[in-house]
Amino acid sequence: MTLWELAQHQRAIVDKFLSTIDPKYVQRLQDLGLHAGEEVRCVRRSFLAGPRVYQVGGNFVALEKYLAKNITVVRASLVEADA
């Protein structure tokens, strides 16, 4: 599943950044707290495929479709079930 596919208010754990993302974007996202293993929540979904807002820790990050579709996540409920 990708970050773009999260429903509003759904939580997930970041799995990885796909190799199709430019490394400069990966570095910036990591600077903002988006790391593998980090919990993320979809706060707002815009109409017509506009940017979506995600909460990572205390930060809010708006991501365009290109970036969010290239970040894989695991739904938080699935991770909790395995623990």
Protein backbone atom coordinates (compact mmCIF):
# COMPACT_ATOMS: atom_id res chain seq x y z
CA MET A 1 0.00 0.00 0.00
CA THR A 2 1.23 3.53 -0.65
CA LEU A 3 0.93 6.64 1.46
CA TRP A 4 -1.40 8.10 -1.19
CA GLU A 5 -3.90 5.27 -0.58
CA LEU A 6 -4.44 6.04 3.12
CA ALA A 7 -7.97 7.10 3.98
CA GLN A 8 -8.45 10.30 5.94
CA HIS A 9 -7.56 9.74 9.64
CA GLN A 10 -6.02 6.33 8.87
CA ARG A 11 -2.65 5.55 10.46
CA ALA A 12 0.21 3.58 8.97
CA ILE A 13 3.89 2.84 9.43
CA VAL A 14 6.33 4.01 6.76
CA ASP A 15 7.92 1.02 5.06
CA LYS A 16 10.25 2.50 2.44
CA PHE A 17 10.82 5.13 -0.24
CA LEU A 18 10.72 3.68 -3.75
CA SER A 19 13.79 4.23 -5.91
CA THR A 20 11.77 6.39 -8.32
CA ILE A 21 11.91 9.34 -5.88
CA ASP A 22 14.74 11.80 -6.42
CA PRO A 23 17.21 11.40 -3.50
CA LYS A 24 16.99 15.14 -2.71
CA TYR A 25 13.27 14.67 -1.93
CA VAL A 26 13.98 11.62 0.22
CA GLN A 27 16.51 13.61 2.25
CA ARG A 28 14.06 16.49 2.73
CA LEU A 29 11.26 14.15 3.81
CA GLN A 30 13.60 12.49 6.30
CA ASP A 31 14.56 15.94 7.60
CA LEU A 32 10.84 16.48 8.26
CA GLY A 33 10.66 13.22 10.26
CA LEU A 34 9.37 10.81 7.62
CA HIS A 35 11.55 7.71 8.18
CA ALA A 36 11.02 3.98 7.73
CA GLY A 37 9.33 2.69 10.88
CA GLU A 38 7.74 6.05 11.70
CA GLU A 39 3.98 6.30 12.23
CA VAL A 40 2.12 8.61 9.85
CA ARG A 41 -1.54 9.68 9.75
CA CYS A 42 -3.52 11.10 6.85
CA VAL A 43 -5.00 14.33 8.17
CA ARG A 44 -6.61 15.75 5.05
CA ARG A 45 -7.39 14.55 1.54
CA SER A 46 -8.01 17.26 -1.06
CA PHE A 47 -10.42 17.06 -3.93
CA LEU A 48 -9.28 16.30 -7.47
CA ALA A 49 -5.97 14.69 -6.48
CA GLY A 50 -4.57 17.81 -4.82
CA PRO A 51 -1.91 17.52 -2.11
CA ARG A 52 -2.72 15.50 0.99
CA VAL A 53 -1.69 16.46 4.50
CA TYR A 54 -0.02 13.90 6.74
CA GLN A 55 1.02 14.09 10.39
CA VAL A 56 4.40 12.63 11.30
CA GLY A 57 5.16 13.09 14.97
CA GLY A 58 4.54 16.77 15.67
CA ASN A 59 4.99 17.81 12.02
CA PHE A 60 2.38 18.26 9.31
CA VAL A 61 3.56 17.60 5.77
CA ALA A 62 1.60 18.24 2.54
CA LEU A 63 2.62 15.86 -0.24
CA GLU A 64 1.73 15.80 -3.91
CA LYS A 65 0.55 12.57 -5.50
CA TYR A 66 3.95 11.88 -7.14
CA LEU A 67 5.71 11.68 -3.77
CA ALA A 68 2.99 9.97 -1.75
CA LYS A 69 2.53 7.22 -4.36
CA ASN A 70 6.24 6.40 -4.09
CA ILE A 71 6.28 5.83 -0.33
CA THR A 72 5.10 2.41 0.81
CA VAL A 73 3.39 1.96 4.16
CA VAL A 74 1.90 -0.81 6.29
CA ARG A 75 -1.40 -0.08 8.00
CA ALA A 76 -0.82 0.46 11.71
CA SER A 77 -3.52 -2.06 12.66
CA LEU A 78 -1.62 -4.81 10.80
CA VAL A 79 1.61 -3.95 12.60
CA GLU A 80 -0.13 -3.97 16.01
CA ALA A 81 -1.66 -7.39 15.24
CA ASP A 82 1.80 -8.87 14.57
CA ALA A 83 3.26 -7.52 17.84
